[in-house]
């Protein structure tokens, strides 16, 4: 029974992640010197000082795991200038590479002059 429940949760996460990746309207944010392109979608306030958004990263060269892109939901604390990951899944040319991850990550500092800071400034300006 426990295996069935875990499998059902994993399948549900895959379907939700796939629908977010396929149906979202992605706003191009920028790219990096390491050939990554960043996009944002569904920017929503979760409290007066925090914002949640979906972030898609497209890789110019597939990762060692075969990922050509990842989609993650992240939360930003605009006042403390911190971020944490809430969910993430990797995609290859034919679909999801793994079952993804969902949970509440640890708050981390956003570094100045980074793509993380560009995301924080964009989502917190909404």
PDB file of N, CA and C in Angstrom:
ATOM      1  N   UNK A   1       0.829  -1.194   0.000  1.00  0.00           N
ATOM      2  CA  UNK A   1       0.000   0.000   0.000  1.00  0.00           C
ATOM      3  C   UNK A   1       0.871   1.256   0.000  1.00  0.00           C
ATOM      4  N   UNK A   2       1.947   1.228   0.803  1.00  0.00           N
ATOM      5  CA  UNK A   2       2.836   2.391   0.870  1.00  0.00           C
ATOM      6  C   UNK A   2       3.487   2.656  -0.488  1.00  0.00           C
ATOM      7  N   UNK A   3       3.879   1.597  -1.202  1.00  0.00           N
ATOM      8  CA  UNK A   3       4.481   1.770  -2.522  1.00  0.00           C
ATOM      9  C   UNK A   3       3.496   2.405  -3.487  1.00  0.00           C
ATOM     10  N   UNK A   4       2.259   1.991  -3.414  1.00  0.00           N
ATOM     11  CA  UNK A   4       1.224   2.556  -4.279  1.00  0.00           C
ATOM     12  C   UNK A   4       1.047   4.036  -3.988  1.00  0.00           C
ATOM     13  N   UNK A   5       1.045   4.407  -2.714  1.00  0.00           N
ATOM     14  CA  UNK A   5       0.890   5.815  -2.337  1.00  0.00           C
ATOM     15  C   UNK A   5       2.078   6.629  -2.827  1.00  0.00           C
ATOM     16  N   UNK A   6       3.294   6.138  -2.648  1.00  0.00           N
ATOM     17  CA  UNK A   6       4.495   6.851  -3.120  1.00  0.00           C
ATOM     18  C   UNK A   6       4.471   6.986  -4.638  1.00  0.00           C
ATOM     19  N   UNK A   7       4.073   5.912  -5.319  1.00  0.00           N
ATOM     20  CA  UNK A   7       4.008   5.957  -6.782  1.00  0.00           C
ATOM     21  C   UNK A   7       2.953   6.957  -7.240  1.00  0.00           C
ATOM     22  N   UNK A   8       1.830   7.003  -6.555  1.00  0.00           N
ATOM     23  CA  UNK A   8       0.769   7.944  -6.903  1.00  0.00           C
ATOM     24  C   UNK A   8       1.230   9.381  -6.705  1.00  0.00           C
ATOM     25  N   UNK A   9       1.924   9.645  -5.609  1.00  0.00           N
ATOM     26  CA  UNK A   9       2.447  10.991  -5.346  1.00  0.00           C
ATOM     27  C   UNK A   9       3.463  11.372  -6.421  1.00  0.00           C
ATOM     28  N   UNK A  10       4.373  10.462  -6.758  1.00  0.00           N
ATOM     29  CA  UNK A  10       5.388  10.747  -7.779  1.00  0.00           C
ATOM     30  C   UNK A  10       4.739  11.007  -9.131  1.00  0.00           C
ATOM     31  N   UNK A  11       3.748  10.186  -9.505  1.00  0.00           N
ATOM     32  CA  UNK A  11       3.053  10.383 -10.772  1.00  0.00           C
ATOM     33  C   UNK A  11       2.312  11.715 -10.786  1.00  0.00           C
ATOM     34  N   UNK A  12       1.665  12.051  -9.686  1.00  0.00           N
ATOM     35  CA  UNK A  12       0.965  13.337  -9.603  1.00  0.00           C
ATOM     36  C   UNK A  12       1.925  14.495  -9.781  1.00  0.00           C
ATOM     37  N   UNK A  13       3.094  14.414  -9.155  1.00  0.00           N
ATOM     38  CA  UNK A  13       4.084  15.484  -9.282  1.00  0.00           C
ATOM     39  C   UNK A  13       4.559  15.596 -10.723  1.00  0.00           C
ATOM     40  N   UNK A  14       4.798  14.462 -11.379  1.00  0.00           N
ATOM     41  CA  UNK A  14       5.220  14.494 -12.779  1.00  0.00           C
ATOM     42  C   UNK A  14       4.175  15.164 -13.657  1.00  0.00           C
ATOM     43  N   UNK A  15       2.924  14.819 -13.450  1.00  0.00           N
ATOM     44  CA  UNK A  15       1.858  15.399 -14.262  1.00  0.00           C
ATOM     45  C   UNK A  15       1.703  16.888 -14.007  1.00  0.00           C
ATOM     46  N   UNK A  16       1.799  17.313 -12.750  1.00  0.00           N
ATOM     47  CA  UNK A  16       1.708  18.734 -12.426  1.00  0.00           C
ATOM     48  C   UNK A  16       2.894  19.480 -13.021  1.00  0.00           C
ATOM     49  N   UNK A  17       4.091  18.942 -12.845  1.00  0.00           N
ATOM     50  CA  UNK A  17       5.281  19.582 -13.406  1.00  0.00           C
ATOM     51  C   UNK A  17       5.214  19.680 -14.915  1.00  0.00           C
ATOM     52  N   UNK A  18       4.759  18.622 -15.563  1.00  0.00           N
ATOM     53  CA  UNK A  18       4.650  18.637 -17.022  1.00  0.00           C
ATOM     54  C   UNK A  18       3.618  19.650 -17.483  1.00  0.00           C
ATOM     55  N   UNK A  19       2.498  19.747 -16.768  1.00  0.00           N
ATOM     56  CA  UNK A  19       1.470  20.706 -17.182  1.00  0.00           C
ATOM     57  C   UNK A  19       1.944  22.131 -16.965  1.00  0.00           C
ATOM     58  N   UNK A  20       2.692  22.392 -15.899  1.00  0.00           N
ATOM     59  CA  UNK A  20       3.238  23.737 -15.676  1.00  0.00           C
ATOM     60  C   UNK A  20       4.221  24.075 -16.784  1.00  0.00           C
ATOM     61  N   UNK A  21       5.093  23.125 -17.129  1.00  0.00           N
ATOM     62  CA  UNK A  21       6.101  23.386 -18.153  1.00  0.00           C
ATOM     63  C   UNK A  21       5.461  23.621 -19.511  1.00  0.00           C
ATOM     64  N   UNK A  22       4.421  22.883 -19.835  1.00  0.00           N
ATOM     65  CA  UNK A  22       3.812  22.986 -21.153  1.00  0.00           C
ATOM     66  C   UNK A  22       2.844  24.157 -21.270  1.00  0.00           C
ATOM     67  N   UNK A  23       2.092  24.439 -20.227  1.00  0.00           N
ATOM     68  CA  UNK A  23       1.006  25.402 -20.335  1.00  0.00           C
ATOM     69  C   UNK A  23       1.365  26.816 -19.892  1.00  0.00           C
ATOM     70  N   UNK A  24       2.452  26.974 -19.215  1.00  0.00           N
ATOM     71  CA  UNK A  24       2.789  28.286 -18.663  1.00  0.00           C
ATOM     72  C   UNK A  24       3.215  29.256 -19.756  1.00  0.00           C
ATOM     73  N   UNK A  25       2.931  30.525 -19.526  1.00  0.00           N
ATOM     74  CA  UNK A  25       3.454  31.586 -20.374  1.00  0.00           C
ATOM     75  C   UNK A  25       4.756  32.028 -19.748  1.00  0.00           C
ATOM     76  N   UNK A  26       5.852  31.727 -20.407  1.00  0.00           N
ATOM     77  CA  UNK A  26       7.168  31.989 -19.853  1.00  0.00           C
ATOM     78  C   UNK A  26       7.681  33.346 -20.316  1.00  0.00           C
ATOM     79  N   UNK A  27       8.147  34.146 -19.374  1.00  0.00           N
ATOM     80  CA  UNK A  27       8.731  35.465 -19.643  1.00  0.00           C
ATOM     81  C   UNK A  27      10.252  35.329 -19.598  1.00  0.00           C
ATOM     82  N   UNK A  28      10.929  35.660 -20.696  1.00  0.00           N
ATOM     83  CA  UNK A  28      12.382  35.562 -20.731  1.00  0.00           C
ATOM     84  C   UNK A  28      12.978  36.568 -19.762  1.00  0.00           C
ATOM     85  N   UNK A  29      13.878  36.109 -18.902  1.00  0.00           N
ATOM     86  CA  UNK A  29      14.535  36.997 -17.937  1.00  0.00           C
ATOM     87  C   UNK A  29      15.950  37.339 -18.374  1.00  0.00           C
ATOM     88  N   UNK A  30      16.692  36.356 -18.826  1.00  0.00           N
ATOM     89  CA  UNK A  30      18.061  36.617 -19.238  1.00  0.00           C
ATOM     90  C   UNK A  30      18.827  35.330 -19.407  1.00  0.00           C
ATOM     91  N   UNK A  31      20.099  35.474 -19.775  1.00  0.00           N
ATOM     92  CA  UNK A  31      20.942  34.301 -19.928  1.00  0.00           C
ATOM     93  C   UNK A  31      22.275  34.559 -19.246  1.00  0.00           C
ATOM     94  N   UNK A  32      23.086  33.515 -19.194  1.00  0.00           N
ATOM     95  CA  UNK A  32      24.374  33.613 -18.514  1.00  0.00           C
ATOM     96  C   UNK A  32      25.494  33.267 -19.491  1.00  0.00           C
ATOM     97  N   UNK A  33      26.700  33.489 -19.055  1.00  0.00           N
ATOM     98  CA  UNK A  33      27.860  33.160 -19.879  1.00  0.00           C
ATOM     99  C   UNK A  33      28.068  31.652 -19.985  1.00  0.00           C
ATOM    100  N   UNK A  34      27.363  30.872 -19.151  1.00  0.00           N
ATOM    101  CA  UNK A  34      27.476  29.412 -19.207  1.00  0.00           C
ATOM    102  C   UNK A  34      26.394  28.800 -20.084  1.00  0.00           C
ATOM    103  N   UNK A  35      25.806  29.610 -20.971  1.00  0.00           N
ATOM    104  CA  UNK A  35      24.842  29.140 -21.959  1.00  0.00           C
ATOM    105  C   UNK A  35      23.542  28.612 -21.344  1.00  0.00           C
ATOM    106  N   UNK A  36      23.076  29.292 -20.297  1.00  0.00           N
ATOM    107  CA  UNK A  36      21.786  28.970 -19.693  1.00  0.00           C
ATOM    108  C   UNK A  36      20.832  30.130 -19.950  1.00  0.00           C
ATOM    109  N   UNK A  37      19.572  29.814 -20.266  1.00  0.00           N
ATOM    110  CA  UNK A  37      18.548  30.831 -20.460  1.00  0.00           C
ATOM    111  C   UNK A  37      17.503  30.686 -19.352  1.00  0.00           C
ATOM    112  N   UNK A  38      17.094  31.801 -18.754  1.00  0.00           N
ATOM    113  CA  UNK A  38      16.176  31.796 -17.617  1.00  0.00           C
ATOM    114  C   UNK A  38      14.843  32.426 -17.996  1.00  0.00           C
ATOM    115  N   UNK A  39      13.757  31.771 -17.564  1.00  0.00           N
ATOM    116  CA  UNK A  39      12.403  32.240 -17.822  1.00  0.00           C
ATOM    117  C   UNK A  39      11.604  32.197 -16.524  1.00  0.00           C
ATOM    118  N   UNK A  40      10.618  33.088 -16.392  1.00  0.00           N
ATOM    119  CA  UNK A  40       9.743  33.128 -15.219  1.00  0.00           C
ATOM    120  C   UNK A  40       8.291  32.960 -15.646  1.00  0.00           C
ATOM    121  N   UNK A  41       7.476  32.430 -14.746  1.00  0.00           N
ATOM    122  CA  UNK A  41       6.044  32.284 -14.991  1.00  0.00           C
ATOM    123  C   UNK A  41       5.304  32.256 -13.665  1.00  0.00           C
ATOM    124  N   UNK A  42       4.059  32.684 -13.697  1.00  0.00           N
ATOM    125  CA  UNK A  42       3.153  32.614 -12.541  1.00  0.00           C
ATOM    126  C   UNK A  42       3.744  33.236 -11.279  1.00  0.00           C
ATOM    127  N   UNK A  43       4.032  34.512 -11.336  1.00  0.00           N
ATOM    128  CA  UNK A  43       4.562  35.236 -10.182  1.00  0.00           C
ATOM    129  C   UNK A  43       3.396  35.613  -9.285  1.00  0.00           C
ATOM    130  N   UNK A  44       3.406  35.134  -8.037  1.00  0.00           N
ATOM    131  CA  UNK A  44       2.292  35.372  -7.108  1.00  0.00           C
ATOM    132  C   UNK A  44       2.810  35.716  -5.719  1.00  0.00           C
ATOM    133  N   UNK A  45       2.181  36.695  -5.070  1.00  0.00           N
ATOM    134  CA  UNK A  45       2.504  37.026  -3.671  1.00  0.00           C
ATOM    135  C   UNK A  45       1.962  35.925  -2.778  1.00  0.00           C
ATOM    136  N   UNK A  46       2.817  35.408  -1.882  1.00  0.00           N
ATOM    137  CA  UNK A  46       2.356  34.412  -0.916  1.00  0.00           C
ATOM    138  C   UNK A  46       2.186  35.032   0.469  1.00  0.00           C
ATOM    139  N   UNK A  47       2.743  36.222   0.672  1.00  0.00           N
ATOM    140  CA  UNK A  47       2.555  37.014   1.891  1.00  0.00           C
ATOM    141  C   UNK A  47       2.975  38.447   1.536  1.00  0.00           C
ATOM    142  N   UNK A  48       2.828  39.392   2.442  1.00  0.00           N
ATOM    143  CA  UNK A  48       3.243  40.766   2.109  1.00  0.00           C
ATOM    144  C   UNK A  48       4.719  40.899   1.725  1.00  0.00           C
ATOM    145  N   UNK A  49       5.572  39.996   2.226  1.00  0.00           N
ATOM    146  CA  UNK A  49       7.005  40.123   1.929  1.00  0.00           C
ATOM    147  C   UNK A  49       7.562  38.980   1.085  1.00  0.00           C
ATOM    148  N   UNK A  50       6.755  37.966   0.750  1.00  0.00           N
ATOM    149  CA  UNK A  50       7.265  36.841  -0.034  1.00  0.00           C
ATOM    150  C   UNK A  50       6.493  36.652  -1.327  1.00  0.00           C
ATOM    151  N   UNK A  51       7.216  36.136  -2.322  1.00  0.00           N
ATOM    152  CA  UNK A  51       6.666  35.907  -3.651  1.00  0.00           C
ATOM    153  C   UNK A  51       7.065  34.512  -4.102  1.00  0.00           C
ATOM    154  N   UNK A  52       6.136  33.816  -4.770  1.00  0.00           N
ATOM    155  CA  UNK A  52       6.433  32.517  -5.369  1.00  0.00           C
ATOM    156  C   UNK A  52       6.384  32.656  -6.882  1.00  0.00           C
ATOM    157  N   UNK A  53       7.254  31.909  -7.539  1.00  0.00           N
ATOM    158  CA  UNK A  53       7.276  31.915  -8.999  1.00  0.00           C
ATOM    159  C   UNK A  53       7.794  30.583  -9.512  1.00  0.00           C
ATOM    160  N   UNK A  54       7.488  30.289 -10.770  1.00  0.00           N
ATOM    161  CA  UNK A  54       8.072  29.148 -11.451  1.00  0.00           C
ATOM    162  C   UNK A  54       9.234  29.660 -12.279  1.00  0.00           C
ATOM    163  N   UNK A  55      10.339  28.937 -12.254  1.00  0.00           N
ATOM    164  CA  UNK A  55      11.549  29.304 -12.994  1.00  0.00           C
ATOM    165  C   UNK A  55      11.908  28.141 -13.915  1.00  0.00           C
ATOM    166  N   UNK A  56      12.121  28.461 -15.178  1.00  0.00           N
ATOM    167  CA  UNK A  56      12.591  27.444 -16.131  1.00  0.00           C
ATOM    168  C   UNK A  56      13.997  27.831 -16.576  1.00  0.00           C
ATOM    169  N   UNK A  57      14.894  26.862 -16.547  1.00  0.00           N
ATOM    170  CA  UNK A  57      16.267  27.067 -17.013  1.00  0.00           C
ATOM    171  C   UNK A  57      16.479  26.123 -18.189  1.00  0.00           C
ATOM    172  N   UNK A  58      16.852  26.685 -19.336  1.00  0.00           N
ATOM    173  CA  UNK A  58      17.174  25.876 -20.507  1.00  0.00           C
ATOM    174  C   UNK A  58      18.693  25.846 -20.658  1.00  0.00           C
ATOM    175  N   UNK A  59      19.224  24.640 -20.840  1.00  0.00           N
ATOM    176  CA  UNK A  59      20.671  24.446 -20.944  1.00  0.00           C
ATOM    177  C   UNK A  59      21.079  24.353 -22.411  1.00  0.00           C
ATOM    178  N   UNK A  60      22.129  25.059 -22.785  1.00  0.00           N
ATOM    179  CA  UNK A  60      22.648  24.983 -24.146  1.00  0.00           C
ATOM    180  C   UNK A  60      23.245  23.615 -24.437  1.00  0.00           C
ATOM    181  N   UNK A  61      23.805  22.993 -23.420  1.00  0.00           N
ATOM    182  CA  UNK A  61      24.383  21.652 -23.510  1.00  0.00           C
ATOM    183  C   UNK A  61      23.724  20.797 -22.437  1.00  0.00           C
ATOM    184  N   UNK A  62      23.245  19.602 -22.779  1.00  0.00           N
ATOM    185  CA  UNK A  62      22.612  18.755 -21.753  1.00  0.00           C
ATOM    186  C   UNK A  62      23.536  18.496 -20.568  1.00  0.00           C
ATOM    187  N   UNK A  63      22.933  18.365 -19.382  1.00  0.00           N
ATOM    188  CA  UNK A  63      23.696  18.059 -18.171  1.00  0.00           C
ATOM    189  C   UNK A  63      24.147  16.596 -18.206  1.00  0.00           C
ATOM    190  N   UNK A  64      24.949  16.190 -17.239  1.00  0.00           N
ATOM    191  CA  UNK A  64      25.414  14.800 -17.154  1.00  0.00           C
ATOM    192  C   UNK A  64      24.246  13.830 -17.021  1.00  0.00           C
ATOM    193  N   UNK A  65      23.145  14.310 -16.444  1.00  0.00           N
ATOM    194  CA  UNK A  65      21.953  13.460 -16.280  1.00  0.00           C
ATOM    195  C   UNK A  65      21.059  13.474 -17.518  1.00  0.00           C
ATOM    196  N   UNK A  66      21.450  14.240 -18.542  1.00  0.00           N
ATOM    197  CA  UNK A  66      20.663  14.295 -19.768  1.00  0.00           C
ATOM    198  C   UNK A  66      19.587  15.375 -19.767  1.00  0.00           C
ATOM    199  N   UNK A  67      19.615  16.249 -18.767  1.00  0.00           N
ATOM    200  CA  UNK A  67      18.617  17.317 -18.697  1.00  0.00           C
ATOM    201  C   UNK A  67      18.930  18.414 -19.715  1.00  0.00           C
ATOM    202  N   UNK A  68      17.906  18.827 -20.445  1.00  0.00           N
ATOM    203  CA  UNK A  68      18.033  19.975 -21.337  1.00  0.00           C
ATOM    204  C   UNK A  68      17.366  21.200 -20.723  1.00  0.00           C
ATOM    205  N   UNK A  69      16.565  20.970 -19.674  1.00  0.00           N
ATOM    206  CA  UNK A  69      15.945  22.072 -18.936  1.00  0.00           C
ATOM    207  C   UNK A  69      15.494  21.583 -17.568  1.00  0.00           C
ATOM    208  N   UNK A  70      15.306  22.527 -16.656  1.00  0.00           N
ATOM    209  CA  UNK A  70      14.700  22.233 -15.360  1.00  0.00           C
ATOM    210  C   UNK A  70      13.595  23.252 -15.118  1.00  0.00           C
ATOM    211  N   UNK A  71      12.603  22.838 -14.361  1.00  0.00           N
ATOM    212  CA  UNK A  71      11.524  23.721 -13.942  1.00  0.00           C
ATOM    213  C   UNK A  71      11.450  23.620 -12.425  1.00  0.00           C
ATOM    214  N   UNK A  72      11.438  24.773 -11.766  1.00  0.00           N
ATOM    215  CA  UNK A  72      11.403  24.789 -10.307  1.00  0.00           C
ATOM    216  C   UNK A  72      10.428  25.843  -9.825  1.00  0.00           C
ATOM    217  N   UNK A  73       9.798  25.575  -8.702  1.00  0.00           N
ATOM    218  CA  UNK A  73       9.016  26.599  -8.019  1.00  0.00           C
ATOM    219  C   UNK A  73       9.889  27.112  -6.885  1.00  0.00           C
ATOM    220  N   UNK A  74      10.039  28.417  -6.815  1.00  0.00           N
ATOM    221  CA  UNK A  74      10.871  29.029  -5.785  1.00  0.00           C
ATOM    222  C   UNK A  74      10.083  30.107  -5.067  1.00  0.00           C
ATOM    223  N   UNK A  75      10.500  30.368  -3.846  1.00  0.00           N
ATOM    224  CA  UNK A  75       9.891  31.429  -3.040  1.00  0.00           C
ATOM    225  C   UNK A  75      10.988  32.429  -2.697  1.00  0.00           C
ATOM    226  N   UNK A  76      10.669  33.705  -2.776  1.00  0.00           N
ATOM    227  CA  UNK A  76      11.620  34.781  -2.489  1.00  0.00           C
ATOM    228  C   UNK A  76      11.101  35.638  -1.354  1.00  0.00           C
ATOM    229  N   UNK A  77      11.959  35.891  -0.377  1.00  0.00           N
ATOM    230  CA  UNK A  77      11.659  36.831   0.695  1.00  0.00           C
ATOM    231  C   UNK A  77      12.250  38.168   0.264  1.00  0.00           C
ATOM    232  N   UNK A  78      11.385  39.084  -0.154  1.00  0.00           N
ATOM    233  CA  UNK A  78      11.829  40.358  -0.717  1.00  0.00           C
ATOM    234  C   UNK A  78      12.507  41.239   0.331  1.00  0.00           C
ATOM    235  N   UNK A  79      12.071  41.144   1.575  1.00  0.00           N
ATOM    236  CA  UNK A  79      12.634  41.980   2.637  1.00  0.00           C
ATOM    237  C   UNK A  79      14.016  41.484   3.075  1.00  0.00           C
ATOM    238  N   UNK A  80      14.152  40.174   3.261  1.00  0.00           N
ATOM    239  CA  UNK A  80      15.421  39.602   3.724  1.00  0.00           C
ATOM    240  C   UNK A  80      16.364  39.252   2.573  1.00  0.00           C
ATOM    241  N   UNK A  81      15.869  39.357   1.324  1.00  0.00           N
ATOM    242  CA  UNK A  81      16.650  39.045   0.127  1.00  0.00           C
ATOM    243  C   UNK A  81      17.189  37.613   0.178  1.00  0.00           C
ATOM    244  N   UNK A  82      16.242  36.676   0.400  1.00  0.00           N
ATOM    245  CA  UNK A  82      16.567  35.257   0.471  1.00  0.00           C
ATOM    246  C   UNK A  82      15.656  34.484  -0.469  1.00  0.00           C
ATOM    247  N   UNK A  83      16.055  33.247  -0.787  1.00  0.00           N
ATOM    248  CA  UNK A  83      15.252  32.382  -1.643  1.00  0.00           C
ATOM    249  C   UNK A  83      15.293  30.950  -1.126  1.00  0.00           C
ATOM    250  N   UNK A  84      14.279  30.174  -1.501  1.00  0.00           N
ATOM    251  CA  UNK A  84      14.278  28.735  -1.224  1.00  0.00           C
ATOM    252  C   UNK A  84      13.503  28.029  -2.329  1.00  0.00           C
ATOM    253  N   UNK A  85      13.896  26.793  -2.590  1.00  0.00           N
ATOM    254  CA  UNK A  85      13.244  25.990  -3.618  1.00  0.00           C
ATOM    255  C   UNK A  85      12.128  25.179  -2.979  1.00  0.00           C
ATOM    256  N   UNK A  86      10.975  25.142  -3.666  1.00  0.00           N
ATOM    257  CA  UNK A  86       9.821  24.394  -3.169  1.00  0.00           C
ATOM    258  C   UNK A  86       9.585  23.103  -3.955  1.00  0.00           C
ATOM    259  N   UNK A  87       9.961  23.089  -5.223  1.00  0.00           N
ATOM    260  CA  UNK A  87       9.797  21.904  -6.070  1.00  0.00           C
ATOM    261  C   UNK A  87      10.709  22.038  -7.278  1.00  0.00           C
ATOM    262  N   UNK A  88      11.145  20.893  -7.831  1.00  0.00           N
ATOM    263  CA  UNK A  88      12.005  20.936  -9.006  1.00  0.00           C
ATOM    264  C   UNK A  88      11.901  19.629  -9.779  1.00  0.00           C
ATOM    265  N   UNK A  89      11.991  19.734 -11.093  1.00  0.00           N
ATOM    266  CA  UNK A  89      12.021  18.555 -11.955  1.00  0.00           C
ATOM    267  C   UNK A  89      12.900  18.862 -13.160  1.00  0.00           C
ATOM    268  N   UNK A  90      13.613  17.843 -13.641  1.00  0.00           N
ATOM    269  CA  UNK A  90      14.474  17.991 -14.809  1.00  0.00           C
ATOM    270  C   UNK A  90      13.842  17.339 -16.025  1.00  0.00           C
ATOM    271  N   UNK A  91      14.032  17.955 -17.202  1.00  0.00           N
ATOM    272  CA  UNK A  91      13.491  17.436 -18.454  1.00  0.00           C
ATOM    273  C   UNK A  91      14.611  17.181 -19.449  1.00  0.00           C
ATOM    274  N   UNK A  92      14.461  16.078 -20.192  1.00  0.00           N
ATOM    275  CA  UNK A  92      15.343  15.771 -21.307  1.00  0.00           C
ATOM    276  C   UNK A  92      14.576  15.973 -22.595  1.00  0.00           C
ATOM    277  N   UNK A  93      15.149  15.602 -23.716  1.00  0.00           N
ATOM    278  CA  UNK A  93      14.483  15.801 -25.008  1.00  0.00           C
ATOM    279  C   UNK A  93      13.144  15.072 -25.138  1.00  0.00           C
ATOM    280  N   UNK A  94      12.966  13.964 -24.395  1.00  0.00           N
ATOM    281  CA  UNK A  94      11.731  13.193 -24.525  1.00  0.00           C
ATOM    282  C   UNK A  94      10.797  13.307 -23.322  1.00  0.00           C
ATOM    283  N   UNK A  95      11.126  14.159 -22.353  1.00  0.00           N
ATOM    284  CA  UNK A  95      10.253  14.322 -21.189  1.00  0.00           C
ATOM    285  C   UNK A  95      11.030  14.336 -19.888  1.00  0.00           C
ATOM    286  N   UNK A  96      10.330  14.102 -18.764  1.00  0.00           N
ATOM    287  CA  UNK A  96      10.984  14.150 -17.454  1.00  0.00           C
ATOM    288  C   UNK A  96      12.126  13.147 -17.340  1.00  0.00           C
ATOM    289  N   UNK A  97      13.220  13.575 -16.705  1.00  0.00           N
ATOM    290  CA  UNK A  97      14.391  12.732 -16.492  1.00  0.00           C
ATOM    291  C   UNK A  97      14.236  11.925 -15.207  1.00  0.00           C
ATOM    292  N   UNK A  98      13.496  12.477 -14.228  1.00  0.00           N
ATOM    293  CA  UNK A  98      13.299  11.798 -12.951  1.00  0.00           C
ATOM    294  C   UNK A  98      11.920  12.157 -12.398  1.00  0.00           C
ATOM    295  N   UNK A  99      11.659  11.701 -11.191  1.00  0.00           N
ATOM    296  CA  UNK A  99      10.353  11.942 -10.571  1.00  0.00           C
ATOM    297  C   UNK A  99      10.242  13.327  -9.966  1.00  0.00           C
ATOM    298  N   UNK A 100      11.317  14.084  -9.954  1.00  0.00           N
ATOM    299  CA  UNK A 100      11.265  15.426  -9.390  1.00  0.00           C
ATOM    300  C   UNK A 100      11.387  15.417  -7.881  1.00  0.00           C
ATOM    301  N   UNK A 101      11.302  16.592  -7.333  1.00  0.00           N
ATOM    302  CA  UNK A 101      11.458  16.788  -5.899  1.00  0.00           C
ATOM    303  C   UNK A 101      10.454  17.835  -5.459  1.00  0.00           C
ATOM    304  N   UNK A 102       9.846  17.623  -4.311  1.00  0.00           N
ATOM    305  CA  UNK A 102       8.907  18.586  -3.759  1.00  0.00           C
ATOM    306  C   UNK A 102       9.082  18.622  -2.252  1.00  0.00           C
ATOM    307  N   UNK A 103       9.134  19.813  -1.688  1.00  0.00           N
ATOM    308  CA  UNK A 103       9.322  19.999  -0.261  1.00  0.00           C
ATOM    309  C   UNK A 103       9.614  21.465  -0.005  1.00  0.00           C
ATOM    310  N   UNK A 104      10.034  21.776   1.162  1.00  0.00           N
ATOM    311  CA  UNK A 104      10.383  23.158   1.479  1.00  0.00           C
ATOM    312  C   UNK A 104      11.871  23.216   1.743  1.00  0.00           C
ATOM    313  N   UNK A 105      12.583  23.916   0.861  1.00  0.00           N
ATOM    314  CA  UNK A 105      14.024  24.041   1.000  1.00  0.00           C
ATOM    315  C   UNK A 105      14.409  25.046   2.075  1.00  0.00           C
ATOM    316  N   UNK A 106      15.688  25.115   2.343  1.00  0.00           N
ATOM    317  CA  UNK A 106      16.241  26.037   3.321  1.00  0.00           C
ATOM    318  C   UNK A 106      16.391  27.419   2.697  1.00  0.00           C
ATOM    319  N   UNK A 107      16.091  28.454   3.473  1.00  0.00           N
ATOM    320  CA  UNK A 107      16.300  29.816   2.990  1.00  0.00           C
ATOM    321  C   UNK A 107      17.789  30.045   2.768  1.00  0.00           C
ATOM    322  N   UNK A 108      18.132  30.654   1.633  1.00  0.00           N
ATOM    323  CA  UNK A 108      19.519  30.940   1.285  1.00  0.00           C
ATOM    324  C   UNK A 108      19.634  32.386   0.827  1.00  0.00           C
ATOM    325  N   UNK A 109      20.796  32.972   1.043  1.00  0.00           N
ATOM    326  CA  UNK A 109      21.047  34.349   0.621  1.00  0.00           C
ATOM    327  C   UNK A 109      21.045  34.433  -0.903  1.00  0.00           C
ATOM    328  N   UNK A 110      20.614  35.576  -1.428  1.00  0.00           N
ATOM    329  CA  UNK A 110      20.693  35.852  -2.860  1.00  0.00           C
ATOM    330  C   UNK A 110      21.942  36.703  -3.073  1.00  0.00           C
ATOM    331  N   UNK A 111      22.849  36.222  -3.903  1.00  0.00           N
ATOM    332  CA  UNK A 111      24.122  36.909  -4.113  1.00  0.00           C
ATOM    333  C   UNK A 111      23.962  38.111  -5.035  1.00  0.00           C
ATOM    334  N   UNK A 112      24.671  39.203  -4.720  1.00  0.00           N
ATOM    335  CA  UNK A 112      24.632  40.389  -5.584  1.00  0.00           C
ATOM    336  C   UNK A 112      25.175  40.079  -6.983  1.00  0.00           C
ATOM    337  N   UNK A 113      24.659  40.787  -7.962  1.00  0.00           N
ATOM    338  CA  UNK A 113      25.120  40.675  -9.357  1.00  0.00           C
ATOM    339  C   UNK A 113      25.017  39.258  -9.908  1.00  0.00           C
ATOM    340  N   UNK A 114      24.005  38.522  -9.492  1.00  0.00           N
ATOM    341  CA  UNK A 114      23.805  37.151  -9.971  1.00  0.00           C
ATOM    342  C   UNK A 114      22.454  37.052 -10.668  1.00  0.00           C
ATOM    343  N   UNK A 115      22.221  35.939 -11.362  1.00  0.00           N
ATOM    344  CA  UNK A 115      20.910  35.711 -11.968  1.00  0.00           C
ATOM    345  C   UNK A 115      19.855  35.599 -10.864  1.00  0.00           C
ATOM    346  N   UNK A 116      20.259  35.084  -9.694  1.00  0.00           N
ATOM    347  CA  UNK A 116      19.336  35.019  -8.550  1.00  0.00           C
ATOM    348  C   UNK A 116      18.870  36.394  -8.124  1.00  0.00           C
ATOM    349  N   UNK A 117      19.771  37.369  -8.148  1.00  0.00           N
ATOM    350  CA  UNK A 117      19.383  38.730  -7.800  1.00  0.00           C
ATOM    351  C   UNK A 117      18.467  39.326  -8.864  1.00  0.00           C
ATOM    352  N   UNK A 118      18.725  39.013 -10.128  1.00  0.00           N
ATOM    353  CA  UNK A 118      17.848  39.494 -11.202  1.00  0.00           C
ATOM    354  C   UNK A 118      16.438  38.930 -11.046  1.00  0.00           C
ATOM    355  N   UNK A 119      16.345  37.654 -10.674  1.00  0.00           N
ATOM    356  CA  UNK A 119      15.031  37.036 -10.442  1.00  0.00           C
ATOM    357  C   UNK A 119      14.348  37.695  -9.249  1.00  0.00           C
ATOM    358  N   UNK A 120      15.079  37.848  -8.136  1.00  0.00           N
ATOM    359  CA  UNK A 120      14.524  38.477  -6.933  1.00  0.00           C
ATOM    360  C   UNK A 120      13.988  39.876  -7.249  1.00  0.00           C
ATOM    361  N   UNK A 121      14.763  40.674  -7.949  1.00  0.00           N
ATOM    362  CA  UNK A 121      14.318  42.037  -8.267  1.00  0.00           C
ATOM    363  C   UNK A 121      13.097  42.041  -9.163  1.00  0.00           C
ATOM    364  N   UNK A 122      13.035  41.103 -10.108  1.00  0.00           N
ATOM    365  CA  UNK A 122      11.873  41.032 -11.012  1.00  0.00           C
ATOM    366  C   UNK A 122      10.622  40.609 -10.258  1.00  0.00           C
ATOM    367  N   UNK A 123      10.701  39.533  -9.490  1.00  0.00           N
ATOM    368  CA  UNK A 123       9.494  39.034  -8.820  1.00  0.00           C
ATOM    369  C   UNK A 123       9.047  39.941  -7.692  1.00  0.00           C
ATOM    370  N   UNK A 124       9.977  40.599  -7.013  1.00  0.00           N
ATOM    371  CA  UNK A 124       9.608  41.473  -5.906  1.00  0.00           C
ATOM    372  C   UNK A 124       9.058  42.812  -6.385  1.00  0.00           C
ATOM    373  N   UNK A 125       9.258  43.134  -7.649  1.00  0.00           N
ATOM    374  CA  UNK A 125       8.712  44.388  -8.183  1.00  0.00           C
ATOM    375  C   UNK A 125       7.253  44.247  -8.587  1.00  0.00           C
ATOM    376  N   UNK A 126       6.728  43.030  -8.583  1.00  0.00           N
ATOM    377  CA  UNK A 126       5.322  42.775  -8.945  1.00  0.00           C
ATOM    378  C   UNK A 126       4.389  43.237  -7.862  1.00  0.00           C
TER     379      UNK A 126
END
